[in-house]
Amino acid sequence: MYFPFLVFRNYSQILYYSYKLFLLRSVIYNHCFKS
């Protein structure tokens, strides 16, 4: 019962960080293309 919770927590963390990286990359792309 404890193992799936750990996997779920790690998976949500990975999703969260990949989402932040995606946002940061899009912001950098927008900044580069505008200037």
N, C-alpha and C. Protein backbone atom coordinates (compact mmCIF):
# COMPACT_ATOMS: atom_id res chain seq x y z
N MET A 1 0.84 -1.21 0.00
CA MET A 1 0.00 0.00 0.00
C MET A 1 0.87 1.26 0.00
N TYR A 2 2.06 1.12 0.52
CA TYR A 2 2.92 2.30 0.61
C TYR A 2 3.70 2.55 -0.68
N PHE A 3 4.00 1.48 -1.38
CA PHE A 3 4.81 1.62 -2.60
C PHE A 3 4.13 2.43 -3.71
N PRO A 4 2.86 2.18 -4.03
CA PRO A 4 2.20 2.98 -5.09
C PRO A 4 2.14 4.47 -4.74
N PHE A 5 2.05 4.77 -3.46
CA PHE A 5 2.02 6.18 -3.07
C PHE A 5 3.36 6.85 -3.38
N LEU A 6 4.44 6.14 -3.14
CA LEU A 6 5.77 6.68 -3.46
C LEU A 6 5.92 6.89 -4.96
N VAL A 7 5.47 5.92 -5.73
CA VAL A 7 5.56 6.04 -7.18
C VAL A 7 4.72 7.22 -7.66
N PHE A 8 3.54 7.36 -7.10
CA PHE A 8 2.67 8.46 -7.50
C PHE A 8 3.28 9.81 -7.15
N ARG A 9 3.90 9.89 -5.98
CA ARG A 9 4.52 11.15 -5.56
C ARG A 9 5.69 11.50 -6.48
N ASN A 10 6.50 10.52 -6.80
CA ASN A 10 7.63 10.78 -7.70
C ASN A 10 7.13 11.18 -9.09
N TYR A 11 6.08 10.52 -9.53
CA TYR A 11 5.53 10.81 -10.85
C TYR A 11 4.97 12.23 -10.91
N SER A 12 4.29 12.65 -9.87
CA SER A 12 3.74 14.00 -9.84
C SER A 12 4.87 15.03 -9.78
N GLN A 13 5.93 14.71 -9.06
CA GLN A 13 7.08 15.63 -9.01
C GLN A 13 7.73 15.76 -10.38
N ILE A 14 7.86 14.65 -11.07
CA ILE A 14 8.46 14.67 -12.41
C ILE A 14 7.59 15.48 -13.36
N LEU A 15 6.29 15.29 -13.28
CA LEU A 15 5.38 16.07 -14.12
C LEU A 15 5.49 17.55 -13.80
N TYR A 16 5.56 17.88 -12.51
CA TYR A 16 5.64 19.27 -12.09
C TYR A 16 6.91 19.94 -12.61
N TYR A 17 8.04 19.25 -12.48
CA TYR A 17 9.30 19.86 -12.92
C TYR A 17 9.39 19.94 -14.44
N SER A 18 8.87 18.96 -15.13
CA SER A 18 8.88 19.03 -16.59
C SER A 18 7.97 20.16 -17.08
N TYR A 19 6.87 20.39 -16.35
CA TYR A 19 5.97 21.50 -16.70
C TYR A 19 6.67 22.83 -16.47
N LYS A 20 7.40 22.95 -15.37
CA LYS A 20 8.13 24.19 -15.10
C LYS A 20 9.21 24.42 -16.15
N LEU A 21 9.89 23.35 -16.55
CA LEU A 21 10.91 23.48 -17.58
C LEU A 21 10.29 23.91 -18.91
N PHE A 22 9.14 23.36 -19.21
CA PHE A 22 8.46 23.72 -20.44
C PHE A 22 8.04 25.19 -20.43
N LEU A 23 7.53 25.67 -19.30
CA LEU A 23 7.15 27.08 -19.19
C LEU A 23 8.37 27.98 -19.33
N LEU A 24 9.44 27.61 -18.66
CA LEU A 24 10.65 28.42 -18.72
C LEU A 24 11.20 28.48 -20.14
N ARG A 25 11.17 27.35 -20.83
CA ARG A 25 11.67 27.31 -22.20
C ARG A 25 10.81 28.15 -23.13
N SER A 26 9.51 28.11 -22.96
CA SER A 26 8.63 28.90 -23.81
C SER A 26 8.82 30.39 -23.54
N VAL A 27 9.04 30.75 -22.28
CA VAL A 27 9.29 32.15 -21.93
C VAL A 27 10.59 32.63 -22.57
N ILE A 28 11.61 31.79 -22.53
CA ILE A 28 12.90 32.15 -23.14
C ILE A 28 12.75 32.28 -24.66
N TYR A 29 12.01 31.38 -25.27
CA TYR A 29 11.80 31.46 -26.71
C TYR A 29 11.06 32.74 -27.09
N ASN A 30 10.03 33.06 -26.33
CA ASN A 30 9.27 34.28 -26.61
C ASN A 30 10.16 35.51 -26.47
N HIS A 31 10.98 35.53 -25.46
CA HIS A 31 11.86 36.67 -25.22
C HIS A 31 12.88 36.80 -26.35
N CYS A 32 13.40 35.69 -26.81
CA CYS A 32 14.40 35.72 -27.88
C CYS A 32 13.78 36.16 -29.21
N PHE A 33 12.58 35.71 -29.46
CA PHE A 33 11.95 36.04 -30.74
C PHE A 33 11.44 37.47 -30.78
N LYS A 34 11.08 38.02 -29.63
CA LYS A 34 10.56 39.38 -29.62
C LYS A 34 11.67 40.41 -29.76
N SER A 35 12.85 40.10 -29.22
CA SER A 35 13.94 41.07 -29.29
C SER A 35 14.96 40.70 -30.36
